Amino acid sequence: MEIIPAVANNKPKINSAEFVKLTIFNDVNDPSDISVYTFSSSYKTEVIDGAEYSPMGGLLAVGIQQRDIRVTSADTSITLSGIPATNPVTGTSDNIYVVLAHKIRGSEVEITRGFYNNNYVLSNTAHRFSGIVTSYNLTEDLQVGENLDNFTVTISASSYKSVLENRVAGRKTNGVSWKEFYPTDTSMDNVYSLADQKYDFGKDPVKGAATSSTATNESTTATQSDTSPQS
């Protein structure tokens, strides 16, 4: 287990900040085509492992990360608040652009916690979370009379363990799915003819007259026989 010197001696006061690294994959067919954004809750720019993190201060809020010795399924959130609709310098909101202009779902999220000493110098870091973005949310707050919009960007992320647990893999037992990787494989060609059969083991198979899989024609109308007695 990793020992963090900044908190190992039960210090009564701990100064820390959250550092977030967001890696967006622009092209799934080209792993090198990525966009990386780094920001933190610190009040000054810091460099960790060669990456420079922009300070967001109190505008950045990072959800809790589950603390377990074993790898567990956990979710967290990242919130940027108080973002104006337009940046006075660039004329656009960079943070909103990151969310809306990219395919942010499926992006990689890494959260690192940095610890400061008494002189407010970053002394230690600890990796806290690795996962992918599952959803995002934008909230608008219109300041009446000031003609100014403030936005809150919230990103939800799930750990890789959660993603692997929910992953659906494999092939279906039908001819189309079976031939997706092996076009000449005829192992499942008879599935359709066997799907509606009922088997009594030890007896010869008996075909059913109709099953729920039989298609019906809505335009077909049934005729009702007249069974009233004739005079």
Protein backbone atom coordinates (compact mmCIF):
# COMPACT_ATOMS: atom_id res chain seq x y z
CA MET A 1 0.00 0.00 0.00
CA GLU A 2 1.28 3.45 -0.91
CA ILE A 3 2.40 5.57 2.05
CA ILE A 4 1.93 9.32 1.62
CA PRO A 5 4.43 11.23 3.82
CA ALA A 6 2.16 14.29 3.95
CA VAL A 7 -0.51 12.35 5.86
CA ALA A 8 1.50 9.51 7.43
CA ASN A 9 2.05 11.22 10.78
CA ASN A 10 -1.58 12.12 11.50
CA LYS A 11 -1.03 15.80 10.91
CA PRO A 12 -3.88 17.97 12.20
CA LYS A 13 -3.92 20.14 9.08
CA ILE A 14 -3.48 18.92 5.53
CA ASN A 15 -3.34 21.20 2.50
CA SER A 16 -4.24 19.40 -0.71
CA ALA A 17 -5.65 19.95 -4.18
CA GLU A 18 -7.22 17.78 -6.86
CA PHE A 19 -5.55 17.50 -10.27
CA VAL A 20 -7.66 16.26 -13.18
CA LYS A 21 -6.35 14.99 -16.52
CA LEU A 22 -8.92 14.50 -19.29
CA THR A 23 -7.81 12.61 -22.40
CA ILE A 24 -10.25 12.78 -25.32
CA PHE A 25 -9.88 10.28 -28.17
CA ASN A 26 -10.82 12.13 -31.34
CA ASP A 27 -10.57 9.11 -33.65
CA VAL A 28 -11.13 5.56 -32.40
CA ASN A 29 -9.13 4.22 -35.34
CA ASP A 30 -6.13 6.41 -34.53
CA PRO A 31 -4.99 6.13 -30.88
CA SER A 32 -2.49 8.95 -31.38
CA ASP A 33 -5.23 11.47 -32.30
CA ILE A 34 -6.04 12.73 -28.81
CA SER A 35 -6.71 16.00 -27.00
CA VAL A 36 -5.47 16.36 -23.42
CA TYR A 37 -6.87 18.89 -20.93
CA THR A 38 -5.46 19.37 -17.43
CA PHE A 39 -6.84 21.51 -14.62
CA SER A 40 -6.83 21.55 -10.84
CA SER A 41 -8.43 22.99 -7.72
CA SER A 42 -5.12 24.63 -6.83
CA TYR A 43 -4.66 28.41 -6.92
CA LYS A 44 -1.44 28.26 -8.94
CA THR A 45 -0.10 26.35 -11.92
CA GLU A 46 1.56 23.05 -11.06
CA VAL A 47 3.50 20.51 -13.11
CA ILE A 48 3.03 16.79 -12.39
CA ASP A 49 4.77 14.13 -14.50
CA GLY A 50 5.50 16.69 -17.20
CA ALA A 51 1.87 17.86 -17.47
CA GLU A 52 0.99 21.45 -16.58
CA TYR A 53 -2.28 21.82 -14.67
CA SER A 54 -4.22 25.07 -14.96
CA PRO A 55 -5.48 26.48 -11.64
CA MET A 56 -9.26 26.63 -11.18
CA GLY A 57 -9.35 27.17 -7.43
CA GLY A 58 -12.79 26.91 -5.87
CA LEU A 59 -14.48 26.71 -9.28
CA LEU A 60 -13.46 23.06 -9.53
CA ALA A 61 -15.19 20.46 -7.38
CA VAL A 62 -14.25 16.79 -7.52
CA GLY A 63 -16.51 14.12 -6.09
CA ILE A 64 -15.36 11.60 -3.53
CA GLN A 65 -13.27 8.61 -4.54
CA GLN A 66 -13.86 5.31 -2.80
CA ARG A 67 -10.96 4.29 -0.57
CA ASP A 68 -10.42 0.54 -0.66
CA ILE A 69 -7.35 -1.65 -0.64
CA ARG A 70 -8.76 -3.76 -3.48
CA VAL A 71 -9.90 -2.45 -6.81
CA THR A 72 -13.62 -1.70 -6.56
CA SER A 73 -16.40 -0.38 -8.75
CA ALA A 74 -16.90 3.31 -8.04
CA ASP A 75 -18.12 6.47 -9.72
CA THR A 76 -17.17 10.09 -9.25
CA SER A 77 -17.98 13.50 -10.71
CA ILE A 78 -16.11 16.62 -11.77
CA THR A 79 -17.85 20.00 -11.65
CA LEU A 80 -16.73 23.36 -13.07
CA SER A 81 -18.99 26.19 -11.94
CA GLY A 82 -19.23 29.94 -12.51
CA ILE A 83 -18.20 29.67 -16.15
CA PRO A 84 -19.32 32.64 -18.25
CA ALA A 85 -21.00 31.98 -21.56
CA THR A 86 -18.25 33.92 -23.37
CA ASN A 87 -14.62 34.38 -22.50
CA PRO A 88 -13.69 38.12 -22.51
CA VAL A 89 -10.37 37.32 -24.19
CA THR A 90 -11.17 34.58 -26.71
CA GLY A 91 -14.86 35.33 -27.10
CA THR A 92 -15.78 31.71 -26.30
CA SER A 93 -16.05 29.55 -23.22
CA ASP A 94 -13.18 27.09 -23.44
CA ASN A 95 -14.59 24.65 -20.89
CA ILE A 96 -17.99 24.44 -22.55
CA TYR A 97 -16.24 24.02 -25.90
CA VAL A 98 -14.38 21.00 -24.55
CA VAL A 99 -17.67 19.31 -23.66
CA LEU A 100 -19.76 20.25 -26.69
CA ALA A 101 -17.17 20.18 -29.48
CA HIS A 102 -15.73 16.75 -28.67
CA LYS A 103 -17.04 13.25 -28.24
CA ILE A 104 -16.38 13.46 -24.53
CA ARG A 105 -18.19 10.28 -23.58
CA GLY A 106 -15.65 7.49 -23.40
CA SER A 107 -12.79 9.87 -22.65
CA GLU A 108 -10.23 8.87 -20.04
CA VAL A 109 -10.20 10.61 -16.66
CA GLU A 110 -7.31 10.52 -14.21
CA ILE A 111 -7.50 12.23 -10.82
CA THR A 112 -4.43 12.88 -8.70
CA ARG A 113 -4.35 14.43 -5.25
CA GLY A 114 -1.44 16.73 -4.46
CA PHE A 115 -0.28 17.61 -0.95
CA TYR A 116 1.33 20.90 0.08
CA ASN A 117 3.78 21.50 2.91
CA ASN A 118 3.59 24.39 5.37
CA ASN A 119 5.21 26.69 2.80
CA TYR A 120 2.48 25.81 0.25
CA VAL A 121 4.91 23.94 -1.97
CA LEU A 122 3.66 20.78 -3.65
CA SER A 123 5.57 17.99 -1.89
CA ASN A 124 3.72 14.72 -2.64
CA THR A 125 1.13 13.37 -5.05
CA ALA A 126 -1.07 10.27 -4.99
CA HIS A 127 -3.08 8.80 -7.84
CA ARG A 128 -6.71 8.52 -6.75
CA PHE A 129 -8.91 7.55 -9.71
CA SER A 130 -8.81 6.17 -13.24
CA GLY A 131 -11.89 5.72 -15.38
CA ILE A 132 -13.90 6.94 -18.34
CA VAL A 133 -16.54 9.62 -18.86
CA THR A 134 -20.04 8.13 -18.92
CA SER A 135 -22.18 11.29 -19.10
CA TYR A 136 -22.13 15.07 -18.78
CA ASN A 137 -24.55 17.81 -17.80
CA LEU A 138 -24.73 21.56 -18.47
CA THR A 139 -26.64 23.94 -16.20
CA GLU A 140 -27.30 27.60 -17.07
CA ASP A 141 -27.73 30.41 -14.53
CA LEU A 142 -28.91 33.66 -16.10
CA GLN A 143 -28.07 36.79 -14.13
CA VAL A 144 -31.15 38.99 -14.54
CA GLY A 145 -30.32 42.61 -15.32
CA GLU A 146 -26.62 41.94 -15.96
CA ASN A 147 -27.07 40.06 -19.25
CA LEU A 148 -24.54 37.47 -18.11
CA ASP A 149 -24.88 33.70 -18.19
CA ASN A 150 -22.99 31.45 -15.83
CA PHE A 151 -22.73 27.78 -16.64
CA THR A 152 -21.95 24.71 -14.59
CA VAL A 153 -20.34 21.76 -16.36
CA THR A 154 -20.61 18.41 -14.61
CA ILE A 155 -18.84 15.29 -15.88
CA SER A 156 -19.66 11.86 -14.47
CA ALA A 157 -17.03 9.13 -14.66
CA SER A 158 -16.98 5.43 -13.84
CA SER A 159 -13.97 3.38 -12.85
CA TYR A 160 -12.56 0.88 -15.30
CA LYS A 161 -13.80 -1.97 -13.11
CA SER A 162 -17.40 -0.74 -13.49
CA VAL A 163 -16.95 -0.48 -17.25
CA LEU A 164 -15.60 -4.03 -17.51
CA GLU A 165 -18.43 -5.41 -15.37
CA ASN A 166 -21.05 -3.85 -17.64
CA ARG A 167 -19.34 -4.82 -20.86
CA VAL A 168 -21.30 -7.06 -23.21
CA ALA A 169 -19.09 -9.36 -25.24
CA GLY A 170 -19.36 -12.48 -27.34
CA ARG A 171 -21.59 -13.55 -30.21
CA LYS A 172 -25.24 -14.49 -30.52
CA THR A 173 -26.33 -17.96 -31.53
CA ASN A 174 -27.57 -17.10 -34.99
CA GLY A 175 -26.10 -17.36 -38.44
CA VAL A 176 -25.60 -13.65 -39.00
CA SER A 177 -23.67 -13.06 -35.78
CA TRP A 178 -21.67 -16.27 -36.14
CA LYS A 179 -20.50 -15.39 -39.64
CA GLU A 180 -19.43 -11.86 -38.74
CA PHE A 181 -15.89 -13.09 -38.05
CA TYR A 182 -15.96 -16.42 -39.92
CA PRO A 183 -18.09 -16.06 -43.10
CA THR A 184 -17.74 -19.75 -44.04
CA ASP A 185 -18.81 -21.13 -40.66
CA THR A 186 -22.23 -22.82 -40.98
CA SER A 187 -22.49 -24.01 -37.35
CA MET A 188 -25.54 -21.89 -36.59
CA ASP A 189 -27.41 -22.13 -39.88
CA ASN A 190 -29.98 -24.56 -38.45
CA VAL A 191 -30.80 -22.47 -35.38
CA TYR A 192 -33.83 -20.91 -37.05
CA SER A 193 -35.41 -24.25 -37.91
CA LEU A 194 -34.79 -25.60 -34.40
CA ALA A 195 -35.97 -22.53 -32.48
CA ASP A 196 -39.68 -23.49 -32.49
CA GLN A 197 -39.24 -27.19 -31.80
CA LYS A 198 -40.24 -28.90 -28.57
CA TYR A 199 -38.27 -31.99 -27.72
CA ASP A 200 -39.34 -34.83 -25.47
CA PHE A 201 -36.12 -36.67 -24.94
CA GLY A 202 -36.50 -40.31 -25.82
CA LYS A 203 -39.28 -39.64 -28.31
CA ASP A 204 -39.35 -38.51 -31.88
CA PRO A 205 -39.50 -34.70 -32.24
CA VAL A 206 -42.97 -33.32 -32.87
CA LYS A 207 -43.43 -30.04 -34.70
CA GLY A 208 -45.67 -27.47 -33.12
CA ALA A 209 -48.47 -25.93 -35.17
CA ALA A 210 -47.53 -22.36 -34.30
CA THR A 211 -45.38 -20.50 -31.79
CA SER A 212 -44.97 -17.00 -30.51
CA SER A 213 -42.24 -16.41 -33.05
CA THR A 214 -44.65 -16.87 -35.94
CA ALA A 215 -45.38 -13.57 -37.67
CA THR A 216 -48.99 -12.41 -37.90
CA ASN A 217 -50.62 -10.30 -40.55
CA GLU A 218 -52.65 -7.44 -39.11
CA SER A 219 -54.66 -7.14 -42.32
CA THR A 220 -55.99 -10.69 -41.98
CA THR A 221 -59.49 -10.81 -40.52
CA ALA A 222 -60.99 -13.90 -38.97
CA THR A 223 -64.43 -15.08 -40.10
CA GLN A 224 -66.93 -16.13 -37.50
CA SER A 225 -69.29 -19.02 -38.33
CA ASP A 226 -73.00 -18.62 -37.74
CA THR A 227 -74.08 -21.21 -35.25
CA SER A 228 -77.60 -19.89 -34.59
CA PRO A 229 -80.38 -22.42 -35.20
CA GLN A 230 -82.27 -22.16 -38.44
CA SER A 231 -86.02 -21.89 -38.44
